[in-house]
């Protein structure tokens, strides 16, 4: 009985002491040893603690530019507006300790005195869209393991190691940035987390090694020297993706490469360059001495023009502006349907003769205009009017070989010969058809190009021009 009384007395004294501890614990201030990520807010009111933590958050915000490394490059990411410490929540969470109930205060106070009331990682508010924009602006998201480091080519096969290609892992990087802000680690370079991306790497490899076959041609920037041909390289991307999906990390897969030889090799080009006359057309030059001078000058400027495959010839670009300064003479021309004297009068005979030759050479006619009246030196529908800064005549080389224009003016005759390389036995016939005109003072002519095989089978017919002339 006596022992029971002793235990009861001790219990009552302990309860009384604990009650006194709870009663003396300040309910309006932070507990002792309350620290939020090295900021001591012990004994502060909630308002003062919030203000102190805000000042700390502002300092962190001003310092929130991080250096992130990926492979051998560093990237600077400014997250000051995207990631901010939630100082209000942090203060409230710290304040909860010892202030949730009367009889829990004492225990919380004892715990704070012995172990401290520490919050190492305060909460962070994240603006996800802005953070993504800032990471993207740094250029980091464009970083990728160099494709050349992930594959080799052996025996016409692409050898690719699964998992060798790495790109930044944005989600894990976000977590690292948040931790750096929480721990005030602004000095250390953050190593960017990575994730393998074999599909994106496959696309990069495709862009790096695959190419269409390129024919040997002439280098206009190197005195028209013969260039090397390029063998085409390709592979089936869809099949390759399927192989990747079925393979394990670290495994080396083999993908068949498809090689396509170009149609024209350097030797082939040297042997066949300009060996064939694709067409030739001649017109007789008449008129005044000035007109003949103009025809000669324009012919000289067009002579020797080389058009690589796909190139265009602009007559105005080749001949240039006609003026006394450029050597042209005033001669008869037509302006708005009326005869006039103009520098370069007569050069349309050169453009018209080239037009006719281009028709028979089966070249593409890009731009062509008819005259106001039918010309005396060429049939209706075969002329090509030009006027500086107004009307141009343009043709394009639609063959796979280069072509050259031989434009000569001798003994009152202008001849245009187009030389190149025949790739088939097609035969070209040009026809003009006079159409019914709506008025008696107008002549309408359609120009057709008919292309036949060697045995006269017609391949196609196309209308090249529709001309209207005043009678």
Protein backbone atom coordinates (compact mmCIF):
# COMPACT_ATOMS: atom_id res chain seq x y z
CA UNK A 1 0.00 0.00 0.00
CA UNK A 2 2.86 2.28 0.88
CA UNK A 3 4.57 1.51 -2.47
CA UNK A 4 1.39 2.35 -4.36
CA UNK A 5 1.19 5.68 -2.59
CA UNK A 6 4.75 6.47 -3.65
CA UNK A 7 4.07 5.67 -7.32
CA UNK A 8 0.88 7.70 -7.19
CA UNK A 9 2.69 10.66 -5.74
CA UNK A 10 5.40 10.48 -8.41
CA UNK A 11 2.78 10.20 -11.13
CA UNK A 12 0.88 13.18 -9.84
CA UNK A 13 4.03 15.26 -9.56
CA UNK A 14 5.06 14.28 -13.12
CA UNK A 15 1.63 15.09 -14.48
CA UNK A 16 1.71 18.36 -12.69
CA UNK A 17 5.16 19.15 -13.99
CA UNK A 18 4.17 18.25 -17.58
CA UNK A 19 1.02 20.33 -17.25
CA UNK A 20 3.11 23.21 -16.03
CA UNK A 21 5.49 22.70 -19.00
CA UNK A 22 2.53 22.82 -21.39
CA UNK A 23 1.18 25.89 -19.68
CA UNK A 24 4.49 27.76 -19.85
CA UNK A 25 5.10 26.93 -23.52
CA UNK A 26 4.54 30.16 -25.51
CA UNK A 27 1.63 29.48 -27.85
CA UNK A 28 2.25 32.62 -29.92
CA UNK A 29 5.91 32.02 -30.81
CA UNK A 30 7.98 29.41 -32.57
CA UNK A 31 9.51 26.64 -30.48
CA UNK A 32 13.18 26.78 -29.55
CA UNK A 33 15.64 25.40 -32.12
CA UNK A 34 13.21 25.94 -35.01
CA UNK A 35 15.28 26.16 -38.20
CA UNK A 36 14.12 26.09 -41.81
CA UNK A 37 17.03 25.24 -44.07
CA UNK A 38 19.61 27.09 -41.91
CA UNK A 39 17.33 30.08 -41.23
CA UNK A 40 16.77 30.26 -37.44
CA UNK A 41 13.26 31.44 -36.60
CA UNK A 42 13.26 30.29 -32.94
CA UNK A 43 11.00 32.33 -30.66
CA UNK A 44 9.57 34.35 -33.51
CA UNK A 45 5.92 35.05 -34.06
CA UNK A 46 4.36 33.55 -37.15
CA UNK A 47 4.30 36.98 -38.82
CA UNK A 48 7.96 37.69 -38.09
CA UNK A 49 9.00 34.20 -39.14
CA UNK A 50 7.09 34.61 -42.41
CA UNK A 51 8.84 37.92 -43.05
CA UNK A 52 12.24 36.42 -42.29
CA UNK A 53 11.66 33.47 -44.59
CA UNK A 54 10.42 35.80 -47.34
CA UNK A 55 13.68 37.73 -47.17
CA UNK A 56 15.56 34.44 -47.47
CA UNK A 57 13.37 33.37 -50.43
CA UNK A 58 14.05 36.69 -52.18
CA UNK A 59 17.80 36.15 -51.82
CA UNK A 60 17.47 32.66 -53.27
CA UNK A 61 15.32 33.99 -56.10
CA UNK A 62 17.99 36.52 -57.10
CA UNK A 63 20.59 33.77 -57.14
CA UNK A 64 18.53 31.23 -59.03
CA UNK A 65 20.71 30.87 -62.12
CA UNK A 66 22.12 27.39 -62.40
CA UNK A 67 24.80 25.89 -64.60
CA UNK A 68 23.78 22.49 -65.94
CA UNK A 69 26.27 20.22 -67.69
CA UNK A 70 25.44 17.74 -70.43
CA UNK A 71 28.29 15.83 -72.03
CA UNK A 72 31.03 18.43 -72.62
CA UNK A 73 28.82 21.50 -72.64
CA UNK A 74 27.39 23.78 -69.96
CA UNK A 75 24.01 25.51 -70.09
CA UNK A 76 22.73 28.39 -67.95
CA UNK A 77 19.16 28.12 -66.71
CA UNK A 78 17.45 31.05 -64.99
CA UNK A 79 14.64 29.68 -62.82
CA UNK A 80 14.11 32.79 -60.69
CA UNK A 81 10.53 33.29 -61.87
CA UNK A 82 9.72 29.62 -62.36
CA UNK A 83 10.74 28.15 -58.99
CA UNK A 84 10.15 30.06 -55.73
CA UNK A 85 10.21 28.98 -52.08
CA UNK A 86 6.76 28.78 -50.53
CA UNK A 87 7.83 30.68 -47.41
CA UNK A 88 4.27 31.11 -46.12
CA UNK A 89 3.60 27.38 -46.08
CA UNK A 90 7.03 26.70 -44.60
CA UNK A 91 6.36 29.12 -41.72
CA UNK A 92 2.92 27.66 -41.05
CA UNK A 93 4.23 24.09 -41.03
CA UNK A 94 6.95 25.02 -38.54
CA UNK A 95 4.45 26.88 -36.38
CA UNK A 96 2.17 23.84 -36.16
CA UNK A 97 4.75 22.09 -33.99
CA UNK A 98 3.70 22.73 -30.38
CA UNK A 99 0.61 24.71 -31.30
CA UNK A 100 -1.86 22.02 -32.27
CA UNK A 101 -3.19 21.32 -28.75
CA UNK A 102 -2.51 22.16 -25.08
CA UNK A 103 -1.28 18.75 -23.94
CA UNK A 104 0.96 18.27 -27.03
CA UNK A 105 2.89 21.46 -26.40
CA UNK A 106 5.10 20.02 -23.73
CA UNK A 107 6.18 17.03 -25.79
CA UNK A 108 6.84 19.27 -28.80
CA UNK A 109 8.93 21.60 -26.61
CA UNK A 110 10.98 18.74 -25.19
CA UNK A 111 11.52 17.38 -28.71
CA UNK A 112 12.59 20.81 -29.97
CA UNK A 113 15.03 21.26 -27.07
CA UNK A 114 16.59 17.83 -27.54
CA UNK A 115 16.47 17.25 -31.33
CA UNK A 116 15.47 20.59 -32.80
CA UNK A 117 12.50 21.56 -34.93
CA UNK A 118 14.21 21.49 -38.32
CA UNK A 119 12.76 21.71 -41.84
CA UNK A 120 15.57 20.92 -44.29
CA UNK A 121 13.63 21.15 -47.55
CA UNK A 122 10.99 23.88 -47.54
CA UNK A 123 8.25 23.58 -50.17
CA UNK A 124 8.80 25.13 -53.62
CA UNK A 125 6.16 26.66 -55.88
CA UNK A 126 6.68 25.62 -59.52
CA UNK A 127 5.45 27.33 -62.69
CA UNK A 128 5.77 24.29 -64.93
CA UNK A 129 5.25 26.05 -68.26
CA UNK A 130 7.70 28.83 -67.44
CA UNK A 131 10.28 26.37 -66.13
CA UNK A 132 10.03 24.35 -69.34
CA UNK A 133 10.42 27.55 -71.36
CA UNK A 134 13.53 28.53 -69.40
CA UNK A 135 15.12 25.10 -69.79
CA UNK A 136 14.32 25.18 -73.51
CA UNK A 137 15.71 28.72 -73.87
CA UNK A 138 19.05 27.52 -72.52
CA UNK A 139 19.41 25.19 -75.50
CA UNK A 140 19.74 22.14 -73.27
CA UNK A 141 16.74 20.35 -74.75
CA UNK A 142 18.45 20.37 -78.14
CA UNK A 143 21.44 18.53 -76.69
CA UNK A 144 21.86 14.91 -77.61
CA UNK A 145 24.59 12.33 -77.71
CA UNK A 146 26.41 12.84 -81.00
CA UNK A 147 24.91 10.37 -83.46
CA UNK A 148 28.35 9.46 -84.80
CA UNK A 149 29.26 8.12 -81.35
CA UNK A 150 26.43 5.59 -81.36
CA UNK A 151 26.91 3.67 -84.60
CA UNK A 152 29.36 2.24 -87.10
CA UNK A 153 28.97 1.05 -90.68
CA UNK A 154 30.39 -2.31 -91.66
CA UNK A 155 29.77 -4.46 -94.72
CA UNK A 156 26.89 -2.25 -95.93
CA UNK A 157 25.13 -2.53 -92.57
CA UNK A 158 24.40 0.03 -89.90
CA UNK A 159 25.51 -1.23 -86.46
CA UNK A 160 23.64 0.58 -83.72
CA UNK A 161 24.02 0.11 -79.95
CA UNK A 162 20.73 0.19 -78.05
CA UNK A 163 20.75 2.78 -75.26
CA UNK A 164 23.94 4.52 -76.39
CA UNK A 165 22.08 7.69 -77.34
CA UNK A 166 21.21 9.93 -74.42
CA UNK A 167 19.18 13.10 -74.15
CA UNK A 168 18.36 15.32 -71.15
CA UNK A 169 15.73 13.95 -68.75
CA UNK A 170 13.71 17.09 -68.12
CA UNK A 171 11.56 15.64 -65.34
CA UNK A 172 14.53 14.54 -63.25
CA UNK A 173 16.32 17.82 -63.96
CA UNK A 174 13.35 19.73 -62.55
CA UNK A 175 13.72 17.80 -59.29
CA UNK A 176 17.43 18.59 -59.15
CA UNK A 177 16.77 22.28 -59.68
CA UNK A 178 14.16 22.29 -56.91
CA UNK A 179 16.56 20.55 -54.53
CA UNK A 180 19.30 23.06 -55.37
CA UNK A 181 17.00 25.94 -54.46
CA UNK A 182 15.87 24.24 -51.27
CA UNK A 183 19.45 23.63 -50.15
CA UNK A 184 20.83 26.97 -51.39
CA UNK A 185 23.29 25.16 -53.65
CA UNK A 186 23.88 27.81 -56.28
CA UNK A 187 27.59 27.25 -56.82
CA UNK A 188 27.91 23.67 -57.97
CA UNK A 189 27.38 22.65 -61.59
CA UNK A 190 24.36 20.38 -61.88
CA UNK A 191 24.99 17.23 -63.86
CA UNK A 192 22.01 16.81 -66.15
CA UNK A 193 20.13 13.51 -65.71
CA UNK A 194 19.80 11.62 -68.96
CA UNK A 195 17.46 9.17 -70.61
CA UNK A 196 18.06 6.96 -73.63
CA UNK A 197 16.17 7.79 -76.82
CA UNK A 198 16.93 5.33 -79.59
CA UNK A 199 14.09 6.45 -81.86
CA UNK A 200 15.23 10.08 -81.93
CA UNK A 201 18.78 8.88 -82.42
CA UNK A 202 17.65 6.80 -85.38
CA UNK A 203 16.19 9.95 -86.97
CA UNK A 204 19.47 11.79 -86.40
CA UNK A 205 21.48 8.97 -87.90
CA UNK A 206 19.15 8.93 -90.88
CA UNK A 207 19.73 12.64 -91.44
CA UNK A 208 23.46 12.19 -91.00
CA UNK A 209 24.21 9.27 -93.29
CA UNK A 210 21.33 9.04 -95.74
CA UNK A 211 21.48 10.97 -98.97
CA UNK A 212 20.01 10.78 -102.43
CA UNK A 213 22.37 9.81 -105.24
CA UNK A 214 23.94 12.89 -106.78
CA UNK A 215 25.06 12.86 -110.39
CA UNK A 216 28.43 14.13 -111.43
CA UNK A 217 28.04 17.59 -112.94
CA UNK A 218 30.04 20.76 -113.59
CA UNK A 219 31.22 23.15 -110.89
CA UNK A 220 30.34 26.65 -112.06
CA UNK A 221 32.50 28.08 -109.28
CA UNK A 222 35.57 26.14 -110.39
CA UNK A 223 35.81 26.84 -114.11
CA UNK A 224 33.15 24.18 -114.77
CA UNK A 225 35.33 21.33 -113.60
CA UNK A 226 33.71 17.89 -113.39
CA UNK A 227 32.46 17.14 -109.87
CA UNK A 228 32.48 13.82 -108.08
CA UNK A 229 29.27 11.82 -107.99
CA UNK A 230 27.68 10.77 -104.70
CA UNK A 231 26.33 7.29 -104.04
CA UNK A 232 22.88 7.32 -102.45
CA UNK A 233 22.46 5.79 -99.00
CA UNK A 234 19.16 4.87 -97.37
CA UNK A 235 17.53 2.42 -94.98
CA UNK A 236 14.01 1.38 -94.08
CA UNK A 237 13.22 3.54 -91.03
CA UNK A 238 10.02 1.75 -90.10
CA UNK A 239 11.69 -1.64 -90.16
CA UNK A 240 14.60 -0.21 -88.18
CA UNK A 241 12.23 1.13 -85.50
CA UNK A 242 10.69 -2.31 -85.22
CA UNK A 243 14.14 -3.85 -84.72
CA UNK A 244 14.94 -1.30 -81.99
CA UNK A 245 11.68 -1.99 -80.18
CA UNK A 246 12.46 -5.70 -80.07
CA UNK A 247 16.02 -5.28 -78.78
CA UNK A 248 17.49 -5.00 -75.28
CA UNK A 249 19.60 -2.25 -73.69
CA UNK A 250 23.25 -2.62 -74.67
CA UNK A 251 22.52 -4.91 -77.59
CA UNK A 252 24.03 -4.05 -81.00
CA UNK A 253 21.57 -4.35 -83.85
CA UNK A 254 22.24 -4.52 -87.58
CA UNK A 255 20.22 -2.57 -90.11
CA UNK A 256 20.60 -3.16 -93.84
CA UNK A 257 21.73 -0.12 -95.81
CA UNK A 258 20.46 0.48 -99.34
CA UNK A 259 23.01 1.92 -101.77
CA UNK A 260 21.97 3.54 -105.06
CA UNK A 261 24.53 4.43 -107.68
CA UNK A 262 24.11 7.80 -109.46
CA UNK A 263 23.12 7.79 -113.10
CA UNK A 264 26.07 9.93 -114.14
CA UNK A 265 29.61 9.17 -113.01
CA UNK A 266 32.51 11.58 -113.59
CA UNK A 267 33.86 9.44 -116.42
CA UNK A 268 30.42 9.11 -117.96
CA UNK A 269 30.05 12.89 -117.91
CA UNK A 270 33.47 13.46 -119.46
CA UNK A 271 32.70 10.97 -122.22
CA UNK A 272 29.23 12.33 -123.05
CA UNK A 273 29.42 16.05 -122.20
CA UNK A 274 27.91 18.20 -124.98
CA UNK A 275 28.41 15.43 -127.58
CA UNK A 276 24.88 15.55 -129.02
CA UNK A 277 23.15 18.32 -130.95
CA UNK A 278 19.76 18.42 -129.26
CA UNK A 279 18.42 21.00 -131.69
CA UNK A 280 19.36 23.82 -134.01
CA UNK A 281 17.35 26.73 -135.41
CA UNK A 282 18.31 29.48 -137.83
CA UNK A 283 16.70 32.82 -138.71
CA UNK A 284 17.79 35.41 -141.29
CA UNK A 285 18.86 38.79 -139.96
CA UNK A 286 17.88 41.91 -141.88
CA UNK A 287 17.32 45.58 -141.20
CA UNK A 288 19.53 48.53 -140.42
CA UNK A 289 23.17 48.43 -139.42
CA UNK A 290 22.17 49.36 -135.86
CA UNK A 291 19.71 46.49 -135.67
CA UNK A 292 22.35 44.03 -136.88
CA UNK A 293 24.77 45.36 -134.26
CA UNK A 294 22.19 44.76 -131.56
CA UNK A 295 21.56 41.20 -132.77
CA UNK A 296 25.30 40.50 -132.81
CA UNK A 297 25.81 41.86 -129.27
CA UNK A 298 22.88 39.89 -127.83
CA UNK A 299 24.06 36.72 -129.60
CA UNK A 300 27.56 37.12 -128.18
CA UNK A 301 26.21 37.53 -124.64
CA UNK A 302 24.13 34.35 -124.94
CA UNK A 303 26.77 32.28 -126.72
CA UNK A 304 28.45 29.65 -124.56
CA UNK A 305 25.91 29.79 -121.75
CA UNK A 306 25.98 26.54 -119.80
CA UNK A 307 22.90 25.31 -117.96
CA UNK A 308 23.36 22.56 -115.41
CA UNK A 309 20.47 20.23 -114.72
CA UNK A 310 17.65 22.32 -113.24
CA UNK A 311 19.27 25.66 -114.15
CA UNK A 312 17.33 28.49 -115.75
CA UNK A 313 18.50 30.91 -118.42
CA UNK A 314 17.07 34.41 -118.20
CA UNK A 315 17.52 36.26 -121.48
CA UNK A 316 17.44 39.63 -119.75
CA UNK A 317 19.90 38.37 -117.17
CA UNK A 318 22.27 37.16 -119.87
CA UNK A 319 22.06 40.18 -122.17
CA UNK A 320 21.69 42.91 -119.56
CA UNK A 321 20.28 46.40 -119.97
CA UNK A 322 20.42 47.84 -123.45
CA UNK A 323 21.90 51.33 -123.57
CA UNK A 324 24.56 53.36 -125.34
CA UNK A 325 26.87 52.62 -122.40
CA UNK A 326 26.57 48.87 -122.98
CA UNK A 327 27.18 49.21 -126.72
CA UNK A 328 23.65 48.86 -128.05
CA UNK A 329 22.29 51.09 -130.80
CA UNK A 330 18.87 52.68 -131.35
CA UNK A 331 16.86 50.64 -133.84
CA UNK A 332 13.27 49.83 -134.72
CA UNK A 333 11.10 48.36 -132.00
CA UNK A 334 7.45 48.29 -130.94
CA UNK A 335 6.04 49.99 -127.86
CA UNK A 336 2.35 49.63 -127.02
CA UNK A 337 1.62 48.62 -130.58
CA UNK A 338 3.44 51.59 -132.12
CA UNK A 339 6.79 51.61 -133.92
CA UNK A 340 9.58 53.40 -132.02
CA UNK A 341 13.35 53.69 -131.95
CA UNK A 342 14.88 52.01 -128.89
CA UNK A 343 18.31 50.95 -127.73
CA UNK A 344 18.58 47.23 -128.40
CA UNK A 345 15.93 47.16 -131.09
CA UNK A 346 16.13 43.78 -132.81
CA UNK A 347 17.38 41.65 -129.92
CA UNK A 348 14.02 39.87 -129.83
CA UNK A 349 15.25 37.96 -132.87
CA UNK A 350 17.85 36.36 -130.63
CA UNK A 351 15.34 35.45 -127.89
CA UNK A 352 12.92 34.13 -130.52
CA UNK A 353 15.56 31.95 -132.19
CA UNK A 354 16.56 30.55 -128.78
CA UNK A 355 12.87 29.89 -128.06
CA UNK A 356 12.45 27.90 -131.24
CA UNK A 357 15.64 25.90 -130.59
CA UNK A 358 14.53 25.22 -127.00
CA UNK A 359 11.18 23.91 -128.23
CA UNK A 360 12.86 21.35 -130.46
CA UNK A 361 15.37 20.44 -127.70
CA UNK A 362 12.38 19.59 -125.49
CA UNK A 363 13.51 22.05 -122.81
CA UNK A 364 11.13 23.56 -120.29
CA UNK A 365 9.74 26.98 -121.26
CA UNK A 366 9.47 28.98 -118.05
CA UNK A 367 8.46 32.40 -119.41
CA UNK A 368 7.62 33.58 -122.91
CA UNK A 369 5.66 36.51 -124.37
CA UNK A 370 4.48 37.17 -127.92
CA UNK A 371 4.97 40.41 -129.87
CA UNK A 372 2.21 42.88 -130.71
CA UNK A 373 2.58 41.90 -134.36
CA UNK A 374 3.81 38.79 -136.16
CA UNK A 375 7.59 39.04 -136.67
CA UNK A 376 9.10 39.01 -140.14
CA UNK A 377 11.98 36.66 -139.22
CA UNK A 378 10.03 33.80 -137.61
CA UNK A 379 6.62 32.17 -137.85
CA UNK A 380 3.71 33.23 -135.66
CA UNK A 381 3.75 31.32 -132.38
CA UNK A 382 7.52 30.86 -132.41
CA UNK A 383 8.56 34.38 -131.39
CA UNK A 384 9.61 35.51 -127.90
CA UNK A 385 9.31 39.19 -127.04
CA UNK A 386 11.59 40.76 -124.42
CA UNK A 387 11.76 44.19 -122.83
CA UNK A 388 14.17 45.23 -120.11
CA UNK A 389 12.53 45.20 -116.67
CA UNK A 390 9.17 44.25 -118.23
CA UNK A 391 9.19 41.09 -120.36
CA UNK A 392 11.72 38.30 -119.99
CA UNK A 393 12.27 35.03 -121.78
CA UNK A 394 13.35 32.08 -119.63
CA UNK A 395 14.07 28.42 -120.26
CA UNK A 396 15.13 25.63 -117.90
CA UNK A 397 17.34 22.61 -118.41
CA UNK A 398 15.03 19.72 -117.52
CA UNK A 399 17.52 17.02 -118.54
CA UNK A 400 19.95 15.28 -116.19
CA UNK A 401 23.01 16.40 -118.19
CA UNK A 402 24.36 19.93 -118.64
CA UNK A 403 23.59 21.74 -121.88
CA UNK A 404 25.37 24.57 -123.71
CA UNK A 405 24.02 27.21 -126.09
CA UNK A 406 25.97 27.96 -129.26
CA UNK A 407 24.61 31.28 -130.55
CA UNK A 408 26.34 32.50 -133.70
CA UNK A 409 25.67 35.35 -136.12
CA UNK A 410 27.48 35.03 -139.46
CA UNK A 411 26.64 35.95 -143.05
CA UNK A 412 23.27 37.48 -142.13
CA UNK A 413 22.10 34.33 -140.39
CA UNK A 414 21.53 33.80 -136.69
CA UNK A 415 21.84 30.17 -135.57
CA UNK A 416 21.15 28.72 -132.14
CA UNK A 417 22.40 25.19 -131.50
CA UNK A 418 21.75 23.50 -128.19
CA UNK A 419 24.22 20.78 -127.33
CA UNK A 420 23.89 18.27 -124.54
CA UNK A 421 23.49 14.53 -124.09
CA UNK A 422 20.66 12.46 -125.50
CA UNK A 423 19.15 10.07 -123.00
CA UNK A 424 16.45 8.63 -125.27
CA UNK A 425 15.42 8.44 -128.91
CA UNK A 426 12.50 10.84 -128.62
CA UNK A 427 11.67 12.98 -131.65
CA UNK A 428 10.15 16.45 -131.24
CA UNK A 429 7.74 18.04 -133.70
CA UNK A 430 6.47 21.60 -133.29
CA UNK A 431 3.09 22.60 -134.71
CA UNK A 432 1.29 25.94 -134.79
CA UNK A 433 -2.45 26.20 -135.27
CA UNK A 434 -4.37 29.30 -136.25
CA UNK A 435 -7.42 29.59 -134.05
CA UNK A 436 -10.78 31.21 -134.66
CA UNK A 437 -10.50 34.72 -133.32
CA UNK A 438 -13.33 36.69 -131.78
CA UNK A 439 -12.35 39.77 -133.79
CA UNK A 440 -11.18 40.18 -137.37
CA UNK A 441 -8.24 42.38 -136.38
CA UNK A 442 -6.67 39.70 -134.13
CA UNK A 443 -4.66 36.62 -135.06
CA UNK A 444 -4.64 33.85 -132.46
CA UNK A 445 -2.10 31.03 -132.70
CA UNK A 446 -1.58 27.98 -130.49
CA UNK A 447 1.87 26.40 -130.32
CA UNK A 448 2.08 22.65 -129.62
CA UNK A 449 5.00 20.39 -128.90
CA UNK A 450 4.55 16.76 -129.93
CA UNK A 451 7.01 14.21 -128.65
CA UNK A 452 7.33 10.82 -130.34
CA UNK A 453 9.40 7.70 -129.86
CA UNK A 454 11.80 6.69 -132.59
CA UNK A 455 9.15 4.42 -134.13
CA UNK A 456 6.69 7.36 -134.32
CA UNK A 457 4.58 6.34 -131.31
CA UNK A 458 3.38 9.53 -129.70
CA UNK A 459 4.48 10.01 -126.11
CA UNK A 460 2.66 13.26 -125.35
CA UNK A 461 1.45 16.58 -126.71
CA UNK A 462 1.56 19.84 -124.80
CA UNK A 463 0.40 23.33 -125.60
CA UNK A 464 3.40 25.59 -125.10
CA UNK A 465 1.95 28.99 -126.00
CA UNK A 466 -1.21 30.83 -126.94
CA UNK A 467 -0.37 33.98 -128.86
CA UNK A 468 -2.51 36.95 -129.90
CA UNK A 469 -1.29 39.35 -132.56
CA UNK A 470 -2.76 42.49 -134.09
CA UNK A 471 -3.32 42.12 -137.81
